[in-house]
Amino acid sequence: LFGLLTNPDQLRQVRQQDDWERAFEEGIRWVAPIQVSSRLVNEDT
Protein backbone atom coordinates (compact mmCIF):
# COMPACT_ATOMS: atom_id res chain seq x y z
CA LEU A 1 0.00 0.00 0.00
CA PHE A 2 2.83 2.40 0.85
CA GLY A 3 4.39 1.77 -2.55
CA LEU A 4 1.18 2.67 -4.35
CA LEU A 5 0.48 5.73 -2.22
CA THR A 6 3.98 7.08 -2.80
CA ASN A 7 3.85 6.38 -6.55
CA PRO A 8 0.61 7.91 -7.84
CA ASP A 9 1.32 6.85 -11.42
CA GLN A 10 1.45 3.20 -10.34
CA LEU A 11 -1.73 3.57 -8.29
CA ARG A 12 -3.47 5.10 -11.30
CA GLN A 13 -2.36 2.19 -13.48
CA VAL A 14 -3.64 -0.41 -10.99
CA ARG A 15 -6.98 1.38 -10.75
CA GLN A 16 -7.33 1.64 -14.53
CA GLN A 17 -6.47 -2.02 -15.11
CA ASP A 18 -8.33 -3.22 -11.99
CA ASP A 19 -5.45 -5.60 -11.29
CA TRP A 20 -5.28 -5.58 -7.49
CA GLU A 21 -4.13 -9.19 -7.20
CA ARG A 22 -1.02 -8.51 -9.28
CA ALA A 23 -0.38 -5.26 -7.38
CA PHE A 24 -0.56 -7.15 -4.08
CA GLU A 25 1.88 -9.81 -5.30
CA GLU A 26 4.28 -7.15 -6.53
CA GLY A 27 4.03 -5.35 -3.20
CA ILE A 28 5.00 -8.53 -1.37
CA ARG A 29 7.97 -9.00 -3.70
CA TRP A 30 8.99 -5.34 -3.39
CA VAL A 31 9.12 -5.50 0.42
CA ALA A 32 10.60 -8.94 0.82
CA PRO A 33 11.44 -10.10 4.36
CA ILE A 34 15.11 -10.48 3.43
CA GLN A 35 15.37 -6.69 3.15
CA VAL A 36 14.68 -6.23 6.86
CA SER A 37 16.90 -9.07 8.05
CA SER A 38 20.35 -8.36 9.36
CA ARG A 39 23.30 -10.52 10.14
CA LEU A 40 25.79 -10.09 12.96
CA VAL A 41 29.16 -11.80 13.13
CA ASN A 42 31.56 -12.12 16.04
CA GLU A 43 34.75 -11.79 14.02
CA ASP A 44 36.05 -11.27 10.50
CA THR A 45 36.92 -14.34 8.47
PDB file of N, CA and C in Angstrom:
ATOM      1  N   LEU A   1       0.826  -1.185   0.000  1.00  0.00           N
ATOM      2  CA  LEU A   1       0.000   0.000   0.000  1.00  0.00           C
ATOM      3  C   LEU A   1       0.871   1.250   0.000  1.00  0.00           C
ATOM      4  N   PHE A   2       1.923   1.252   0.811  1.00  0.00           N
ATOM      5  CA  PHE A   2       2.831   2.398   0.854  1.00  0.00           C
ATOM      6  C   PHE A   2       3.420   2.672  -0.523  1.00  0.00           C
ATOM      7  N   GLY A   3       3.816   1.608  -1.213  1.00  0.00           N
ATOM      8  CA  GLY A   3       4.392   1.768  -2.546  1.00  0.00           C
ATOM      9  C   GLY A   3       3.432   2.433  -3.513  1.00  0.00           C
ATOM     10  N   LEU A   4       2.174   2.065  -3.456  1.00  0.00           N
ATOM     11  CA  LEU A   4       1.185   2.670  -4.351  1.00  0.00           C
ATOM     12  C   LEU A   4       0.877   4.110  -3.957  1.00  0.00           C
ATOM     13  N   LEU A   5       0.800   4.375  -2.670  1.00  0.00           N
ATOM     14  CA  LEU A   5       0.481   5.731  -2.225  1.00  0.00           C
ATOM     15  C   LEU A   5       1.626   6.706  -2.476  1.00  0.00           C
ATOM     16  N   THR A   6       2.840   6.211  -2.534  1.00  0.00           N
ATOM     17  CA  THR A   6       3.980   7.082  -2.800  1.00  0.00           C
ATOM     18  C   THR A   6       4.353   7.125  -4.274  1.00  0.00           C
ATOM     19  N   ASN A   7       3.637   6.374  -5.099  1.00  0.00           N
ATOM     20  CA  ASN A   7       3.848   6.376  -6.550  1.00  0.00           C
ATOM     21  C   ASN A   7       2.491   6.493  -7.237  1.00  0.00           C
ATOM     22  N   PRO A   8       1.961   7.710  -7.306  1.00  0.00           N
ATOM     23  CA  PRO A   8       0.611   7.911  -7.836  1.00  0.00           C
ATOM     24  C   PRO A   8       0.409   7.369  -9.252  1.00  0.00           C
ATOM     25  N   ASP A   9       1.452   7.382 -10.063  1.00  0.00           N
ATOM     26  CA  ASP A   9       1.319   6.846 -11.415  1.00  0.00           C
ATOM     27  C   ASP A   9       1.044   5.346 -11.388  1.00  0.00           C
ATOM     28  N   GLN A  10       1.691   4.635 -10.469  1.00  0.00           N
ATOM     29  CA  GLN A  10       1.449   3.198 -10.340  1.00  0.00           C
ATOM     30  C   GLN A  10       0.054   2.920  -9.797  1.00  0.00           C
ATOM     31  N   LEU A  11      -0.383   3.718  -8.840  1.00  0.00           N
ATOM     32  CA  LEU A  11      -1.731   3.570  -8.291  1.00  0.00           C
ATOM     33  C   LEU A  11      -2.770   3.797  -9.382  1.00  0.00           C
ATOM     34  N   ARG A  12      -2.555   4.800 -10.195  1.00  0.00           N
ATOM     35  CA  ARG A  12      -3.472   5.096 -11.299  1.00  0.00           C
ATOM     36  C   ARG A  12      -3.545   3.910 -12.266  1.00  0.00           C
ATOM     37  N   GLN A  13      -2.397   3.327 -12.565  1.00  0.00           N
ATOM     38  CA  GLN A  13      -2.357   2.186 -13.479  1.00  0.00           C
ATOM     39  C   GLN A  13      -3.121   0.990 -12.903  1.00  0.00           C
ATOM     40  N   VAL A  14      -2.934   0.707 -11.628  1.00  0.00           N
ATOM     41  CA  VAL A  14      -3.644  -0.414 -10.991  1.00  0.00           C
ATOM     42  C   VAL A  14      -5.146  -0.166 -11.024  1.00  0.00           C
ATOM     43  N   ARG A  15      -5.547   1.055 -10.728  1.00  0.00           N
ATOM     44  CA  ARG A  15      -6.979   1.380 -10.745  1.00  0.00           C
ATOM     45  C   ARG A  15      -7.562   1.250 -12.148  1.00  0.00           C
ATOM     46  N   GLN A  16      -6.833   1.709 -13.154  1.00  0.00           N
ATOM     47  CA  GLN A  16      -7.330   1.639 -14.530  1.00  0.00           C
ATOM     48  C   GLN A  16      -7.453   0.199 -15.005  1.00  0.00           C
ATOM     49  N   GLN A  17      -6.478  -0.628 -14.652  1.00  0.00           N
ATOM     50  CA  GLN A  17      -6.473  -2.019 -15.112  1.00  0.00           C
ATOM     51  C   GLN A  17      -7.239  -2.943 -14.165  1.00  0.00           C
ATOM     52  N   ASP A  18      -7.623  -2.425 -12.999  1.00  0.00           N
ATOM     53  CA  ASP A  18      -8.330  -3.217 -11.988  1.00  0.00           C
ATOM     54  C   ASP A  18      -7.605  -4.540 -11.731  1.00  0.00           C
ATOM     55  N   ASP A  19      -6.301  -4.424 -11.475  1.00  0.00           N
ATOM     56  CA  ASP A  19      -5.451  -5.600 -11.292  1.00  0.00           C
ATOM     57  C   ASP A  19      -4.848  -5.603  -9.885  1.00  0.00           C
ATOM     58  N   TRP A  20      -5.715  -5.665  -8.881  1.00  0.00           N
ATOM     59  CA  TRP A  20      -5.275  -5.577  -7.495  1.00  0.00           C
ATOM     60  C   TRP A  20      -4.509  -6.814  -7.048  1.00  0.00           C
ATOM     61  N   GLU A  21      -4.842  -7.966  -7.590  1.00  0.00           N
ATOM     62  CA  GLU A  21      -4.127  -9.189  -7.205  1.00  0.00           C
ATOM     63  C   GLU A  21      -2.657  -9.084  -7.603  1.00  0.00           C
ATOM     64  N   ARG A  22      -2.407  -8.664  -8.809  1.00  0.00           N
ATOM     65  CA  ARG A  22      -1.023  -8.513  -9.277  1.00  0.00           C
ATOM     66  C   ARG A  22      -0.294  -7.426  -8.480  1.00  0.00           C
ATOM     67  N   ALA A  23      -0.986  -6.340  -8.171  1.00  0.00           N
ATOM     68  CA  ALA A  23      -0.383  -5.260  -7.382  1.00  0.00           C
ATOM     69  C   ALA A  23       0.000  -5.767  -5.992  1.00  0.00           C
ATOM     70  N   PHE A  24      -0.851  -6.581  -5.401  1.00  0.00           N
ATOM     71  CA  PHE A  24      -0.557  -7.147  -4.084  1.00  0.00           C
ATOM     72  C   PHE A  24       0.675  -8.043  -4.145  1.00  0.00           C
ATOM     73  N   GLU A  25       0.733  -8.915  -5.149  1.00  0.00           N
ATOM     74  CA  GLU A  25       1.876  -9.814  -5.300  1.00  0.00           C
ATOM     75  C   GLU A  25       3.166  -9.030  -5.509  1.00  0.00           C
ATOM     76  N   GLU A  26       3.103  -7.981  -6.302  1.00  0.00           N
ATOM     77  CA  GLU A  26       4.282  -7.154  -6.533  1.00  0.00           C
ATOM     78  C   GLU A  26       4.691  -6.429  -5.252  1.00  0.00           C
ATOM     79  N   GLY A  27       3.725  -5.998  -4.468  1.00  0.00           N
ATOM     80  CA  GLY A  27       4.028  -5.350  -3.198  1.00  0.00           C
ATOM     81  C   GLY A  27       4.746  -6.282  -2.243  1.00  0.00           C
ATOM     82  N   ILE A  28       4.334  -7.536  -2.215  1.00  0.00           N
ATOM     83  CA  ILE A  28       5.003  -8.534  -1.373  1.00  0.00           C
ATOM     84  C   ILE A  28       6.435  -8.745  -1.849  1.00  0.00           C
ATOM     85  N   ARG A  29       6.624  -8.816  -3.153  1.00  0.00           N
ATOM     86  CA  ARG A  29       7.971  -9.000  -3.700  1.00  0.00           C
ATOM     87  C   ARG A  29       8.840  -7.779  -3.420  1.00  0.00           C
ATOM     88  N   TRP A  30       8.251  -6.593  -3.554  1.00  0.00           N
ATOM     89  CA  TRP A  30       8.986  -5.336  -3.393  1.00  0.00           C
ATOM     90  C   TRP A  30       9.498  -5.163  -1.967  1.00  0.00           C
ATOM     91  N   VAL A  31       8.731  -5.613  -0.991  1.00  0.00           N
ATOM     92  CA  VAL A  31       9.117  -5.497   0.416  1.00  0.00           C
ATOM     93  C   VAL A  31       9.351  -6.903   0.962  1.00  0.00           C
ATOM     94  N   ALA A  32      10.300  -7.576   0.403  1.00  0.00           N
ATOM     95  CA  ALA A  32      10.600  -8.944   0.817  1.00  0.00           C
ATOM     96  C   ALA A  32      11.192  -8.964   2.224  1.00  0.00           C
ATOM     97  N   PRO A  33      10.907 -10.004   2.988  1.00  0.00           N
ATOM     98  CA  PRO A  33      11.436 -10.098   4.360  1.00  0.00           C
ATOM     99  C   PRO A  33      12.959 -10.028   4.429  1.00  0.00           C
ATOM    100  N   ILE A  34      13.638 -10.483   3.402  1.00  0.00           N
ATOM    101  CA  ILE A  34      15.107 -10.480   3.425  1.00  0.00           C
ATOM    102  C   ILE A  34      15.661  -9.063   3.530  1.00  0.00           C
ATOM    103  N   GLN A  35      14.904  -8.070   3.104  1.00  0.00           N
ATOM    104  CA  GLN A  35      15.371  -6.689   3.153  1.00  0.00           C
ATOM    105  C   GLN A  35      15.441  -6.160   4.581  1.00  0.00           C
ATOM    106  N   VAL A  36      14.688  -6.716   5.477  1.00  0.00           N
ATOM    107  CA  VAL A  36      14.682  -6.232   6.856  1.00  0.00           C
ATOM    108  C   VAL A  36      15.487  -7.134   7.791  1.00  0.00           C
ATOM    109  N   SER A  37      16.080  -8.175   7.244  1.00  0.00           N
ATOM    110  CA  SER A  37      16.897  -9.072   8.051  1.00  0.00           C
ATOM    111  C   SER A  37      18.324  -8.533   8.121  1.00  0.00           C
ATOM    112  N   SER A  38      18.947  -8.747   9.232  1.00  0.00           N
ATOM    113  CA  SER A  38      20.346  -8.357   9.356  1.00  0.00           C
ATOM    114  C   SER A  38      21.146  -9.543   9.871  1.00  0.00           C
ATOM    115  N   ARG A  39      22.430  -9.435   9.714  1.00  0.00           N
ATOM    116  CA  ARG A  39      23.300 -10.523  10.141  1.00  0.00           C
ATOM    117  C   ARG A  39      24.442  -9.935  10.963  1.00  0.00           C
ATOM    118  N   LEU A  40      24.693 -10.526  12.095  1.00  0.00           N
ATOM    119  CA  LEU A  40      25.789 -10.094  12.955  1.00  0.00           C
ATOM    120  C   LEU A  40      26.821 -11.205  13.038  1.00  0.00           C
ATOM    121  N   VAL A  41      28.080 -10.818  12.996  1.00  0.00           N
ATOM    122  CA  VAL A  41      29.162 -11.800  13.129  1.00  0.00           C
ATOM    123  C   VAL A  41      30.049 -11.397  14.297  1.00  0.00           C
ATOM    124  N   ASN A  42      30.679 -12.379  14.895  1.00  0.00           N
ATOM    125  CA  ASN A  42      31.556 -12.120  16.040  1.00  0.00           C
ATOM    126  C   ASN A  42      32.947 -11.671  15.625  1.00  0.00           C
ATOM    127  N   GLU A  43      33.408 -12.148  14.471  1.00  0.00           N
ATOM    128  CA  GLU A  43      34.755 -11.789  14.016  1.00  0.00           C
ATOM    129  C   GLU A  43      34.843 -11.905  12.507  1.00  0.00           C
ATOM    130  N   ASP A  44      35.813 -11.197  11.936  1.00  0.00           N
ATOM    131  CA  ASP A  44      36.045 -11.268  10.498  1.00  0.00           C
ATOM    132  C   ASP A  44      36.611 -12.634  10.138  1.00  0.00           C
ATOM    133  N   THR A  45      36.364 -13.055   8.916  1.00  0.00           N
ATOM    134  CA  THR A  45      36.923 -14.336   8.471  1.00  0.00           C
ATOM    135  C   THR A  45      38.095 -14.116   7.560  1.00  0.00           C
TER     136      THR A  45
END
